Amino acid sequence: MGADIRIESRNAVIEGVDELTGSKVRATDLRAGAALILSPLAAKGETEIGDIHHIERGYYKIDEKLRGLGADIQRTEEN
């Protein structure tokens, strides 16, 4: 997505960027999934999130809730 993130010891250092871009990503756990649902809302282009079962486990119908707030979000079937 274009974020400038690096790991230093036990810390993640995040530098701001002008623009995030859509891409294919995977939700590897619940909290990462939450970040991956929110960050595309500010990104240019389309983002496809895989392994959404982690997100579904902790956030009931989050896509419907975000859509109700105006987000352009939809579920698709995997190939």
PDB file of N, CA and C in Angstrom:
ATOM      1  N   MET A   1       0.818  -1.194   0.000  1.00  0.00           N
ATOM      2  CA  MET A   1       0.000   0.000   0.000  1.00  0.00           C
ATOM      3  C   MET A   1       0.862   1.258   0.000  1.00  0.00           C
ATOM      4  N   GLY A   2       2.162   1.073   0.207  1.00  0.00           N
ATOM      5  CA  GLY A   2       3.061   2.203   0.115  1.00  0.00           C
ATOM      6  C   GLY A   2       3.440   2.844   1.433  1.00  0.00           C
ATOM      7  N   ALA A   3       3.042   2.251   2.546  1.00  0.00           N
ATOM      8  CA  ALA A   3       3.394   2.820   3.848  1.00  0.00           C
ATOM      9  C   ALA A   3       4.897   2.678   4.082  1.00  0.00           C
ATOM     10  N   ASP A   4       5.479   3.624   4.785  1.00  0.00           N
ATOM     11  CA  ASP A   4       6.902   3.610   5.113  1.00  0.00           C
ATOM     12  C   ASP A   4       7.048   3.138   6.555  1.00  0.00           C
ATOM     13  N   ILE A   5       7.227   1.817   6.715  1.00  0.00           N
ATOM     14  CA  ILE A   5       7.283   1.208   8.046  1.00  0.00           C
ATOM     15  C   ILE A   5       8.567   0.402   8.161  1.00  0.00           C
ATOM     16  N   ARG A   6       9.267   0.565   9.263  1.00  0.00           N
ATOM     17  CA  ARG A   6      10.463  -0.243   9.502  1.00  0.00           C
ATOM     18  C   ARG A   6      10.464  -0.695  10.966  1.00  0.00           C
ATOM     19  N   ILE A   7      11.121  -1.814  11.204  1.00  0.00           N
ATOM     20  CA  ILE A   7      11.217  -2.367  12.551  1.00  0.00           C
ATOM     21  C   ILE A   7      12.585  -2.012  13.126  1.00  0.00           C
ATOM     22  N   GLU A   8      12.588  -1.422  14.302  1.00  0.00           N
ATOM     23  CA  GLU A   8      13.817  -1.122  15.033  1.00  0.00           C
ATOM     24  C   GLU A   8      13.685  -1.741  16.415  1.00  0.00           C
ATOM     25  N   SER A   9      14.471  -2.778  16.648  1.00  0.00           N
ATOM     26  CA  SER A   9      14.418  -3.515  17.895  1.00  0.00           C
ATOM     27  C   SER A   9      13.001  -4.077  18.071  1.00  0.00           C
ATOM     28  N   ARG A  10      12.288  -3.651  19.088  1.00  0.00           N
ATOM     29  CA  ARG A  10      10.927  -4.146  19.314  1.00  0.00           C
ATOM     30  C   ARG A  10       9.881  -3.092  18.984  1.00  0.00           C
ATOM     31  N   ASN A  11      10.246  -2.127  18.157  1.00  0.00           N
ATOM     32  CA  ASN A  11       9.339  -1.038  17.801  1.00  0.00           C
ATOM     33  C   ASN A  11       9.131  -0.966  16.297  1.00  0.00           C
ATOM     34  N   ALA A  12       7.949  -0.551  15.907  1.00  0.00           N
ATOM     35  CA  ALA A  12       7.671  -0.257  14.500  1.00  0.00           C
ATOM     36  C   ALA A  12       7.702   1.259  14.353  1.00  0.00           C
ATOM     37  N   VAL A  13       8.528   1.734  13.426  1.00  0.00           N
ATOM     38  CA  VAL A  13       8.633   3.167  13.161  1.00  0.00           C
ATOM     39  C   VAL A  13       7.890   3.441  11.862  1.00  0.00           C
ATOM     40  N   ILE A  14       6.903   4.319  11.925  1.00  0.00           N
ATOM     41  CA  ILE A  14       6.053   4.605  10.771  1.00  0.00           C
ATOM     42  C   ILE A  14       6.218   6.064  10.387  1.00  0.00           C
ATOM     43  N   GLU A  15       6.674   6.288   9.158  1.00  0.00           N
ATOM     44  CA  GLU A  15       6.815   7.642   8.619  1.00  0.00           C
ATOM     45  C   GLU A  15       5.601   7.917   7.742  1.00  0.00           C
ATOM     46  N   GLY A  16       5.058   9.100   7.841  1.00  0.00           N
ATOM     47  CA  GLY A  16       3.906   9.465   7.022  1.00  0.00           C
ATOM     48  C   GLY A  16       4.252   9.497   5.537  1.00  0.00           C
ATOM     49  N   VAL A  17       3.315   9.134   4.708  1.00  0.00           N
ATOM     50  CA  VAL A  17       3.475   9.214   3.253  1.00  0.00           C
ATOM     51  C   VAL A  17       2.337  10.067   2.702  1.00  0.00           C
ATOM     52  N   ASP A  18       2.536  10.597   1.501  1.00  0.00           N
ATOM     53  CA  ASP A  18       1.516  11.453   0.896  1.00  0.00           C
ATOM     54  C   ASP A  18       0.258  10.682   0.525  1.00  0.00           C
ATOM     55  N   GLU A  19       0.430   9.426   0.110  1.00  0.00           N
ATOM     56  CA  GLU A  19      -0.724   8.681  -0.384  1.00  0.00           C
ATOM     57  C   GLU A  19      -0.495   7.179  -0.272  1.00  0.00           C
ATOM     58  N   LEU A  20      -1.506   6.464   0.189  1.00  0.00           N
ATOM     59  CA  LEU A  20      -1.497   5.003   0.157  1.00  0.00           C
ATOM     60  C   LEU A  20      -2.161   4.557  -1.136  1.00  0.00           C
ATOM     61  N   THR A  21      -1.764   3.403  -1.638  1.00  0.00           N
ATOM     62  CA  THR A  21      -2.374   2.874  -2.854  1.00  0.00           C
ATOM     63  C   THR A  21      -2.952   1.489  -2.579  1.00  0.00           C
ATOM     64  N   GLY A  22      -4.029   1.177  -3.250  1.00  0.00           N
ATOM     65  CA  GLY A  22      -4.678  -0.115  -3.085  1.00  0.00           C
ATOM     66  C   GLY A  22      -3.785  -1.255  -3.541  1.00  0.00           C
ATOM     67  N   SER A  23      -3.948  -2.417  -2.923  1.00  0.00           N
ATOM     68  CA  SER A  23      -3.177  -3.599  -3.297  1.00  0.00           C
ATOM     69  C   SER A  23      -3.854  -4.839  -2.725  1.00  0.00           C
ATOM     70  N   LYS A  24      -3.277  -6.015  -2.989  1.00  0.00           N
ATOM     71  CA  LYS A  24      -3.762  -7.256  -2.392  1.00  0.00           C
ATOM     72  C   LYS A  24      -3.022  -7.465  -1.080  1.00  0.00           C
ATOM     73  N   VAL A  25      -3.779  -7.696  -0.006  1.00  0.00           N
ATOM     74  CA  VAL A  25      -3.202  -7.893   1.325  1.00  0.00           C
ATOM     75  C   VAL A  25      -3.903  -9.065   2.006  1.00  0.00           C
ATOM     76  N   ARG A  26      -3.316  -9.557   3.105  1.00  0.00           N
ATOM     77  CA  ARG A  26      -3.895 -10.660   3.874  1.00  0.00           C
ATOM     78  C   ARG A  26      -4.043 -10.250   5.324  1.00  0.00           C
ATOM     79  N   ALA A  27      -5.175 -10.578   5.907  1.00  0.00           N
ATOM     80  CA  ALA A  27      -5.400 -10.339   7.335  1.00  0.00           C
ATOM     81  C   ALA A  27      -4.835 -11.538   8.092  1.00  0.00           C
ATOM     82  N   THR A  28      -3.669 -11.370   8.690  1.00  0.00           N
ATOM     83  CA  THR A  28      -3.019 -12.494   9.372  1.00  0.00           C
ATOM     84  C   THR A  28      -3.519 -12.706  10.797  1.00  0.00           C
ATOM     85  N   ASP A  29      -4.215 -11.713  11.344  1.00  0.00           N
ATOM     86  CA  ASP A  29      -4.836 -11.855  12.658  1.00  0.00           C
ATOM     87  C   ASP A  29      -5.919 -10.789  12.799  1.00  0.00           C
ATOM     88  N   LEU A  30      -6.581 -10.777  13.918  1.00  0.00           N
ATOM     89  CA  LEU A  30      -7.724  -9.889  14.126  1.00  0.00           C
ATOM     90  C   LEU A  30      -7.348  -8.411  14.063  1.00  0.00           C
ATOM     91  N   ARG A  31      -6.324  -8.017  14.803  1.00  0.00           N
ATOM     92  CA  ARG A  31      -5.950  -6.594  14.842  1.00  0.00           C
ATOM     93  C   ARG A  31      -5.386  -6.122  13.510  1.00  0.00           C
ATOM     94  N   ALA A  32      -4.587  -6.947  12.874  1.00  0.00           N
ATOM     95  CA  ALA A  32      -4.069  -6.589  11.547  1.00  0.00           C
ATOM     96  C   ALA A  32      -5.225  -6.441  10.569  1.00  0.00           C
ATOM     97  N   GLY A  33      -6.204  -7.311  10.684  1.00  0.00           N
ATOM     98  CA  GLY A  33      -7.378  -7.230   9.817  1.00  0.00           C
ATOM     99  C   GLY A  33      -8.132  -5.928   9.982  1.00  0.00           C
ATOM    100  N   ALA A  34      -8.250  -5.464  11.216  1.00  0.00           N
ATOM    101  CA  ALA A  34      -8.928  -4.185  11.460  1.00  0.00           C
ATOM    102  C   ALA A  34      -8.181  -3.049  10.775  1.00  0.00           C
ATOM    103  N   ALA A  35      -6.865  -3.052  10.887  1.00  0.00           N
ATOM    104  CA  ALA A  35      -6.060  -2.015  10.228  1.00  0.00           C
ATOM    105  C   ALA A  35      -6.184  -2.115   8.715  1.00  0.00           C
ATOM    106  N   LEU A  36      -6.250  -3.342   8.212  1.00  0.00           N
ATOM    107  CA  LEU A  36      -6.345  -3.529   6.762  1.00  0.00           C
ATOM    108  C   LEU A  36      -7.715  -3.172   6.213  1.00  0.00           C
ATOM    109  N   ILE A  37      -8.724  -3.140   7.045  1.00  0.00           N
ATOM    110  CA  ILE A  37     -10.040  -2.683   6.591  1.00  0.00           C
ATOM    111  C   ILE A  37     -10.092  -1.161   6.601  1.00  0.00           C
ATOM    112  N   LEU A  38      -9.442  -0.537   7.573  1.00  0.00           N
ATOM    113  CA  LEU A  38      -9.506   0.922   7.693  1.00  0.00           C
ATOM    114  C   LEU A  38      -8.547   1.652   6.760  1.00  0.00           C
ATOM    115  N   SER A  39      -7.340   1.137   6.572  1.00  0.00           N
ATOM    116  CA  SER A  39      -6.364   1.866   5.753  1.00  0.00           C
ATOM    117  C   SER A  39      -6.795   2.046   4.299  1.00  0.00           C
ATOM    118  N   PRO A  40      -7.464   1.091   3.664  1.00  0.00           N
ATOM    119  CA  PRO A  40      -7.898   1.332   2.283  1.00  0.00           C
ATOM    120  C   PRO A  40      -8.929   2.452   2.144  1.00  0.00           C
ATOM    121  N   LEU A  41      -9.593   2.807   3.238  1.00  0.00           N
ATOM    122  CA  LEU A  41     -10.564   3.897   3.164  1.00  0.00           C
ATOM    123  C   LEU A  41      -9.883   5.217   2.819  1.00  0.00           C
ATOM    124  N   ALA A  42      -8.581   5.305   3.102  1.00  0.00           N
ATOM    125  CA  ALA A  42      -7.816   6.513   2.789  1.00  0.00           C
ATOM    126  C   ALA A  42      -6.888   6.306   1.593  1.00  0.00           C
ATOM    127  N   ALA A  43      -6.940   5.135   0.973  1.00  0.00           N
ATOM    128  CA  ALA A  43      -6.029   4.810  -0.128  1.00  0.00           C
ATOM    129  C   ALA A  43      -6.657   5.111  -1.485  1.00  0.00           C
ATOM    130  N   LYS A  44      -5.786   5.297  -2.451  1.00  0.00           N
ATOM    131  CA  LYS A  44      -6.229   5.498  -3.827  1.00  0.00           C
ATOM    132  C   LYS A  44      -6.236   4.134  -4.517  1.00  0.00           C
ATOM    133  N   GLY A  45      -7.336   3.796  -5.158  1.00  0.00           N
ATOM    134  CA  GLY A  45      -7.432   2.512  -5.842  1.00  0.00           C
ATOM    135  C   GLY A  45      -8.114   1.456  -4.990  1.00  0.00           C
ATOM    136  N   GLU A  46      -8.164   0.263  -5.526  1.00  0.00           N
ATOM    137  CA  GLU A  46      -8.879  -0.847  -4.892  1.00  0.00           C
ATOM    138  C   GLU A  46      -7.931  -1.716  -4.078  1.00  0.00           C
ATOM    139  N   THR A  47      -8.399  -2.156  -2.918  1.00  0.00           N
ATOM    140  CA  THR A  47      -7.647  -3.082  -2.070  1.00  0.00           C
ATOM    141  C   THR A  47      -8.461  -4.354  -1.910  1.00  0.00           C
ATOM    142  N   GLU A  48      -7.792  -5.495  -2.046  1.00  0.00           N
ATOM    143  CA  GLU A  48      -8.422  -6.802  -1.856  1.00  0.00           C
ATOM    144  C   GLU A  48      -7.795  -7.442  -0.623  1.00  0.00           C
ATOM    145  N   ILE A  49      -8.640  -7.787   0.355  1.00  0.00           N
ATOM    146  CA  ILE A  49      -8.157  -8.359   1.616  1.00  0.00           C
ATOM    147  C   ILE A  49      -8.474  -9.847   1.648  1.00  0.00           C
ATOM    148  N   GLY A  50      -7.444 -10.669   1.798  1.00  0.00           N
ATOM    149  CA  GLY A  50      -7.611 -12.108   1.911  1.00  0.00           C
ATOM    150  C   GLY A  50      -7.637 -12.541   3.370  1.00  0.00           C
ATOM    151  N   ASP A  51      -8.059 -13.769   3.608  1.00  0.00           N
ATOM    152  CA  ASP A  51      -8.124 -14.349   4.958  1.00  0.00           C
ATOM    153  C   ASP A  51      -8.981 -13.518   5.904  1.00  0.00           C
ATOM    154  N   ILE A  52     -10.163 -13.112   5.426  1.00  0.00           N
ATOM    155  CA  ILE A  52     -11.017 -12.243   6.239  1.00  0.00           C
ATOM    156  C   ILE A  52     -11.684 -12.969   7.411  1.00  0.00           C
ATOM    157  N   HIS A  53     -11.493 -14.287   7.504  1.00  0.00           N
ATOM    158  CA  HIS A  53     -12.099 -15.012   8.630  1.00  0.00           C
ATOM    159  C   HIS A  53     -11.604 -14.465   9.967  1.00  0.00           C
ATOM    160  N   HIS A  54     -10.384 -13.948  10.003  1.00  0.00           N
ATOM    161  CA  HIS A  54      -9.881 -13.326  11.235  1.00  0.00           C
ATOM    162  C   HIS A  54     -10.715 -12.093  11.588  1.00  0.00           C
ATOM    163  N   ILE A  55     -11.047 -11.302  10.583  1.00  0.00           N
ATOM    164  CA  ILE A  55     -11.840 -10.088  10.790  1.00  0.00           C
ATOM    165  C   ILE A  55     -13.258 -10.459  11.217  1.00  0.00           C
ATOM    166  N   GLU A  56     -13.839 -11.426  10.528  1.00  0.00           N
ATOM    167  CA  GLU A  56     -15.209 -11.851  10.829  1.00  0.00           C
ATOM    168  C   GLU A  56     -15.337 -12.376  12.259  1.00  0.00           C
ATOM    169  N   ARG A  57     -14.275 -12.972  12.767  1.00  0.00           N
ATOM    170  CA  ARG A  57     -14.282 -13.533  14.122  1.00  0.00           C
ATOM    171  C   ARG A  57     -14.472 -12.451  15.187  1.00  0.00           C
ATOM    172  N   GLY A  58     -13.950 -11.257  14.942  1.00  0.00           N
ATOM    173  CA  GLY A  58     -13.994 -10.234  15.976  1.00  0.00           C
ATOM    174  C   GLY A  58     -14.859  -9.025  15.685  1.00  0.00           C
ATOM    175  N   TYR A  59     -15.257  -8.860  14.428  1.00  0.00           N
ATOM    176  CA  TYR A  59     -16.020  -7.664  14.055  1.00  0.00           C
ATOM    177  C   TYR A  59     -17.260  -8.088  13.266  1.00  0.00           C
ATOM    178  N   TYR A  60     -18.365  -8.233  13.944  1.00  0.00           N
ATOM    179  CA  TYR A  60     -19.605  -8.716  13.343  1.00  0.00           C
ATOM    180  C   TYR A  60     -20.135  -7.729  12.304  1.00  0.00           C
ATOM    181  N   LYS A  61     -20.287  -8.205  11.077  1.00  0.00           N
ATOM    182  CA  LYS A  61     -20.831  -7.422   9.959  1.00  0.00           C
ATOM    183  C   LYS A  61     -20.171  -6.051   9.815  1.00  0.00           C
ATOM    184  N   ILE A  62     -18.851  -6.016   9.961  1.00  0.00           N
ATOM    185  CA  ILE A  62     -18.144  -4.738   9.876  1.00  0.00           C
ATOM    186  C   ILE A  62     -18.296  -4.101   8.502  1.00  0.00           C
ATOM    187  N   ASP A  63     -18.411  -4.922   7.464  1.00  0.00           N
ATOM    188  CA  ASP A  63     -18.588  -4.361   6.121  1.00  0.00           C
ATOM    189  C   ASP A  63     -19.908  -3.597   6.023  1.00  0.00           C
ATOM    190  N   GLU A  64     -20.964  -4.146   6.605  1.00  0.00           N
ATOM    191  CA  GLU A  64     -22.259  -3.459   6.578  1.00  0.00           C
ATOM    192  C   GLU A  64     -22.210  -2.157   7.379  1.00  0.00           C
ATOM    193  N   LYS A  65     -21.526  -2.194   8.507  1.00  0.00           N
ATOM    194  CA  LYS A  65     -21.418  -0.989   9.336  1.00  0.00           C
ATOM    195  C   LYS A  65     -20.639   0.106   8.609  1.00  0.00           C
ATOM    196  N   LEU A  66     -19.539  -0.266   7.970  1.00  0.00           N
ATOM    197  CA  LEU A  66     -18.747   0.722   7.233  1.00  0.00           C
ATOM    198  C   LEU A  66     -19.506   1.236   6.010  1.00  0.00           C
ATOM    199  N   ARG A  67     -20.223   0.349   5.355  1.00  0.00           N
ATOM    200  CA  ARG A  67     -21.038   0.770   4.209  1.00  0.00           C
ATOM    201  C   ARG A  67     -22.088   1.787   4.662  1.00  0.00           C
ATOM    202  N   GLY A  68     -22.657   1.572   5.839  1.00  0.00           N
ATOM    203  CA  GLY A  68     -23.635   2.501   6.397  1.00  0.00           C
ATOM    204  C   GLY A  68     -23.051   3.878   6.678  1.00  0.00           C
ATOM    205  N   LEU A  69     -21.725   3.935   6.827  1.00  0.00           N
ATOM    206  CA  LEU A  69     -21.036   5.210   7.040  1.00  0.00           C
ATOM    207  C   LEU A  69     -20.536   5.820   5.730  1.00  0.00           C
ATOM    208  N   GLY A  70     -20.816   5.123   4.619  1.00  0.00           N
ATOM    209  CA  GLY A  70     -20.429   5.660   3.320  1.00  0.00           C
ATOM    210  C   GLY A  70     -19.238   4.991   2.664  1.00  0.00           C
ATOM    211  N   ALA A  71     -18.685   3.952   3.271  1.00  0.00           N
ATOM    212  CA  ALA A  71     -17.537   3.259   2.681  1.00  0.00           C
ATOM    213  C   ALA A  71     -17.968   2.458   1.455  1.00  0.00           C
ATOM    214  N   ASP A  72     -17.113   2.413   0.458  1.00  0.00           N
ATOM    215  CA  ASP A  72     -17.336   1.591  -0.732  1.00  0.00           C
ATOM    216  C   ASP A  72     -16.634   0.258  -0.480  1.00  0.00           C
ATOM    217  N   ILE A  73     -17.347  -0.664   0.166  1.00  0.00           N
ATOM    218  CA  ILE A  73     -16.775  -1.946   0.569  1.00  0.00           C
ATOM    219  C   ILE A  73     -17.749  -3.049   0.185  1.00  0.00           C
ATOM    220  N   GLN A  74     -17.201  -4.159  -0.329  1.00  0.00           N
ATOM    221  CA  GLN A  74     -18.059  -5.283  -0.706  1.00  0.00           C
ATOM    222  C   GLN A  74     -17.318  -6.598  -0.525  1.00  0.00           C
ATOM    223  N   ARG A  75     -18.089  -7.628  -0.268  1.00  0.00           N
ATOM    224  CA  ARG A  75     -17.536  -8.983  -0.182  1.00  0.00           C
ATOM    225  C   ARG A  75     -17.572  -9.605  -1.570  1.00  0.00           C
ATOM    226  N   THR A  76     -16.554 -10.389  -1.873  1.00  0.00           N
ATOM    227  CA  THR A  76     -16.524 -11.114  -3.138  1.00  0.00           C
ATOM    228  C   THR A  76     -16.209 -12.571  -2.849  1.00  0.00           C
ATOM    229  N   GLU A  77     -16.559 -13.426  -3.760  1.00  0.00           N
ATOM    230  CA  GLU A  77     -16.254 -14.846  -3.628  1.00  0.00           C
ATOM    231  C   GLU A  77     -14.826 -15.094  -4.090  1.00  0.00           C
ATOM    232  N   GLU A  78     -14.131 -16.005  -3.388  1.00  0.00           N
ATOM    233  CA  GLU A  78     -12.780 -16.381  -3.805  1.00  0.00           C
ATOM    234  C   GLU A  78     -12.868 -17.277  -5.023  1.00  0.00           C
ATOM    235  N   ASN A  79     -11.852 -17.196  -5.878  1.00  0.00           N
ATOM    236  CA  ASN A  79     -11.792 -18.063  -7.076  1.00  0.00           C
ATOM    237  C   ASN A  79     -11.306 -19.431  -6.698  1.00  0.00           C
TER     238      ASN A  79
END
